Amino acid sequence: MKQLTSLDMYDNQIGDEGAKYISEMKQLTSLNICFNHIGIEGSKLISEMKQLILLDISGNLIGDEGAKYISEMKQLTSLDISGNQIGDEGANYISEMKQLTSLRK
């Protein structure tokens, strides 16, 4: 599946282990992994996907620490992080993502 650029894994309960395998798909530019029980470790792995421009990681368990990892994805233009138990600290990290043209939190 080397030609795949968009992946939608909505509500599959893949967790951090599944995020590990997805993070190896370096050709993806669009990724929907909402409602998958992804936590801090999974968000760290996903944040290493430097080719992504669209990420929907809503409805997971990334919290403030995971938000910090996601905020380091300077190539993202669209991000949905709603429903992730992100507090003021995490929101502060995300607010630094000036390149975003679409944000749902």
C-alpha atoms as a PDB file:
ATOM      1  CA  MET A   1       0.000   0.000   0.000  1.00  0.00           C
ATOM      2  CA  LYS A   2       2.857   2.361  -0.793  1.00  0.00           C
ATOM      3  CA  GLN A   3       0.583   4.565  -2.935  1.00  0.00           C
ATOM      4  CA  LEU A   4      -1.935   5.187  -0.106  1.00  0.00           C
ATOM      5  CA  THR A   5      -1.982   8.861   0.928  1.00  0.00           C
ATOM      6  CA  SER A   6      -5.220   8.976   2.957  1.00  0.00           C
ATOM      7  CA  LEU A   7      -6.315   6.578   5.712  1.00  0.00           C
ATOM      8  CA  ASP A   8      -9.528   6.561   7.775  1.00  0.00           C
ATOM      9  CA  MET A   9      -9.397   4.223  10.789  1.00  0.00           C
ATOM     10  CA  TYR A  10     -12.397   5.731  12.603  1.00  0.00           C
ATOM     11  CA  ASP A  11     -13.501   3.798  15.727  1.00  0.00           C
ATOM     12  CA  ASN A  12     -11.368   0.664  15.479  1.00  0.00           C
ATOM     13  CA  GLN A  13      -9.906   0.593  19.019  1.00  0.00           C
ATOM     14  CA  ILE A  14      -6.354   0.242  17.682  1.00  0.00           C
ATOM     15  CA  GLY A  15      -4.703   1.849  20.720  1.00  0.00           C
ATOM     16  CA  ASP A  16      -1.062   2.829  20.936  1.00  0.00           C
ATOM     17  CA  GLU A  17       0.037  -0.458  19.356  1.00  0.00           C
ATOM     18  CA  GLY A  18      -1.992   0.262  16.216  1.00  0.00           C
ATOM     19  CA  ALA A  19      -0.684   3.818  16.144  1.00  0.00           C
ATOM     20  CA  LYS A  20       2.819   2.349  16.010  1.00  0.00           C
ATOM     21  CA  TYR A  21       2.039   0.507  12.765  1.00  0.00           C
ATOM     22  CA  ILE A  22       0.238   3.471  11.229  1.00  0.00           C
ATOM     23  CA  SER A  23       3.175   5.768  12.040  1.00  0.00           C
ATOM     24  CA  GLU A  24       5.320   3.631   9.732  1.00  0.00           C
ATOM     25  CA  MET A  25       3.154   4.639   6.739  1.00  0.00           C
ATOM     26  CA  LYS A  26       5.389   7.531   5.750  1.00  0.00           C
ATOM     27  CA  GLN A  27       3.487   8.363   2.544  1.00  0.00           C
ATOM     28  CA  LEU A  28       0.230   9.358   4.316  1.00  0.00           C
ATOM     29  CA  THR A  29      -0.795  13.006   4.110  1.00  0.00           C
ATOM     30  CA  SER A  30      -4.297  12.599   5.604  1.00  0.00           C
ATOM     31  CA  LEU A  31      -5.117  10.492   8.679  1.00  0.00           C
ATOM     32  CA  ASN A  32      -8.319   9.954  10.655  1.00  0.00           C
ATOM     33  CA  ILE A  33      -7.729   7.929  13.820  1.00  0.00           C
ATOM     34  CA  CYS A  34     -10.557   9.214  15.995  1.00  0.00           C
ATOM     35  CA  PHE A  35     -12.084   7.014  18.716  1.00  0.00           C
ATOM     36  CA  ASN A  36      -9.241   4.509  18.887  1.00  0.00           C
ATOM     37  CA  HIS A  37      -8.039   4.559  22.529  1.00  0.00           C
ATOM     38  CA  ILE A  38      -4.795   6.249  21.521  1.00  0.00           C
ATOM     39  CA  GLY A  39      -2.855   7.693  24.444  1.00  0.00           C
ATOM     40  CA  ILE A  40       0.342   9.627  25.019  1.00  0.00           C
ATOM     41  CA  GLU A  41       2.651   7.020  23.475  1.00  0.00           C
ATOM     42  CA  GLY A  42       0.492   6.758  20.358  1.00  0.00           C
ATOM     43  CA  SER A  43       0.365  10.526  19.949  1.00  0.00           C
ATOM     44  CA  LYS A  44       4.161  10.634  20.213  1.00  0.00           C
ATOM     45  CA  LEU A  45       4.456   8.072  17.394  1.00  0.00           C
ATOM     46  CA  ILE A  46       1.919   9.885  15.209  1.00  0.00           C
ATOM     47  CA  SER A  47       3.722  13.201  15.782  1.00  0.00           C
ATOM     48  CA  GLU A  48       6.735  11.734  13.982  1.00  0.00           C
ATOM     49  CA  MET A  49       4.714  11.518  10.739  1.00  0.00           C
ATOM     50  CA  LYS A  50       6.207  14.665   9.208  1.00  0.00           C
ATOM     51  CA  GLN A  51       4.337  14.295   5.908  1.00  0.00           C
ATOM     52  CA  LEU A  52       0.838  14.604   7.426  1.00  0.00           C
ATOM     53  CA  ILE A  53      -1.064  17.780   6.629  1.00  0.00           C
ATOM     54  CA  LEU A  54      -4.488  16.657   7.942  1.00  0.00           C
ATOM     55  CA  LEU A  55      -4.932  14.826  11.259  1.00  0.00           C
ATOM     56  CA  ASP A  56      -8.118  13.861  13.092  1.00  0.00           C
ATOM     57  CA  ILE A  57      -7.151  12.351  16.438  1.00  0.00           C
ATOM     58  CA  SER A  58     -10.391  13.285  18.221  1.00  0.00           C
ATOM     59  CA  GLY A  59     -12.039  11.118  20.870  1.00  0.00           C
ATOM     60  CA  ASN A  60      -8.830   9.579  22.159  1.00  0.00           C
ATOM     61  CA  LEU A  61      -6.858   9.849  25.417  1.00  0.00           C
ATOM     62  CA  ILE A  62      -3.876  12.025  24.532  1.00  0.00           C
ATOM     63  CA  GLY A  63      -4.230  14.625  27.316  1.00  0.00           C
ATOM     64  CA  ASP A  64      -1.863  17.559  27.760  1.00  0.00           C
ATOM     65  CA  GLU A  65       1.318  15.564  27.147  1.00  0.00           C
ATOM     66  CA  GLY A  66      -0.006  14.125  23.895  1.00  0.00           C
ATOM     67  CA  ALA A  67      -1.095  17.602  22.815  1.00  0.00           C
ATOM     68  CA  LYS A  68       2.493  18.724  23.299  1.00  0.00           C
ATOM     69  CA  TYR A  69       3.693  16.043  20.860  1.00  0.00           C
ATOM     70  CA  ILE A  70       0.999  16.894  18.319  1.00  0.00           C
ATOM     71  CA  SER A  71       1.830  20.615  18.586  1.00  0.00           C
ATOM     72  CA  GLU A  72       5.301  19.838  17.244  1.00  0.00           C
ATOM     73  CA  MET A  73       3.783  18.830  13.878  1.00  0.00           C
ATOM     74  CA  LYS A  74       4.581  22.093  12.093  1.00  0.00           C
ATOM     75  CA  GLN A  75       3.473  20.776   8.691  1.00  0.00           C
ATOM     76  CA  LEU A  76      -0.186  20.232   9.763  1.00  0.00           C
ATOM     77  CA  THR A  77      -2.772  22.584   8.290  1.00  0.00           C
ATOM     78  CA  SER A  78      -5.892  20.816   9.615  1.00  0.00           C
ATOM     79  CA  LEU A  79      -6.273  19.316  13.102  1.00  0.00           C
ATOM     80  CA  ASP A  80      -9.154  17.876  15.129  1.00  0.00           C
ATOM     81  CA  ILE A  81      -8.204  17.107  18.736  1.00  0.00           C
ATOM     82  CA  SER A  82     -11.656  17.387  20.320  1.00  0.00           C
ATOM     83  CA  GLY A  83     -12.626  14.949  23.082  1.00  0.00           C
ATOM     84  CA  ASN A  84      -9.098  14.271  24.347  1.00  0.00           C
ATOM     85  CA  GLN A  85      -9.157  15.518  27.956  1.00  0.00           C
ATOM     86  CA  ILE A  86      -6.835  18.376  27.072  1.00  0.00           C
ATOM     87  CA  GLY A  87      -6.549  21.057  29.733  1.00  0.00           C
ATOM     88  CA  ASP A  88      -5.125  24.565  29.752  1.00  0.00           C
ATOM     89  CA  GLU A  89      -1.549  23.341  29.374  1.00  0.00           C
ATOM     90  CA  GLY A  90      -2.353  21.279  26.285  1.00  0.00           C
ATOM     91  CA  ALA A  91      -4.456  24.064  24.794  1.00  0.00           C
ATOM     92  CA  ASN A  92      -1.492  26.377  25.245  1.00  0.00           C
ATOM     93  CA  TYR A  93       0.717  24.014  23.202  1.00  0.00           C
ATOM     94  CA  ILE A  94      -1.880  23.768  20.431  1.00  0.00           C
ATOM     95  CA  SER A  95      -2.332  27.557  20.346  1.00  0.00           C
ATOM     96  CA  GLU A  96       1.280  27.816  19.176  1.00  0.00           C
ATOM     97  CA  MET A  97       0.409  26.012  15.910  1.00  0.00           C
ATOM     98  CA  LYS A  98       0.128  29.193  13.835  1.00  0.00           C
ATOM     99  CA  GLN A  99       0.214  27.293  10.526  1.00  0.00           C
ATOM    100  CA  LEU A 100      -3.215  25.676  11.100  1.00  0.00           C
ATOM    101  CA  THR A 101      -6.011  26.752   8.778  1.00  0.00           C
ATOM    102  CA  SER A 102      -8.540  24.423  10.434  1.00  0.00           C
ATOM    103  CA  LEU A 103      -8.713  23.489  14.135  1.00  0.00           C
ATOM    104  CA  ARG A 104     -11.364  21.682  16.139  1.00  0.00           C
ATOM    105  CA  LYS A 105     -10.728  21.294  19.857  1.00  0.00           C
END
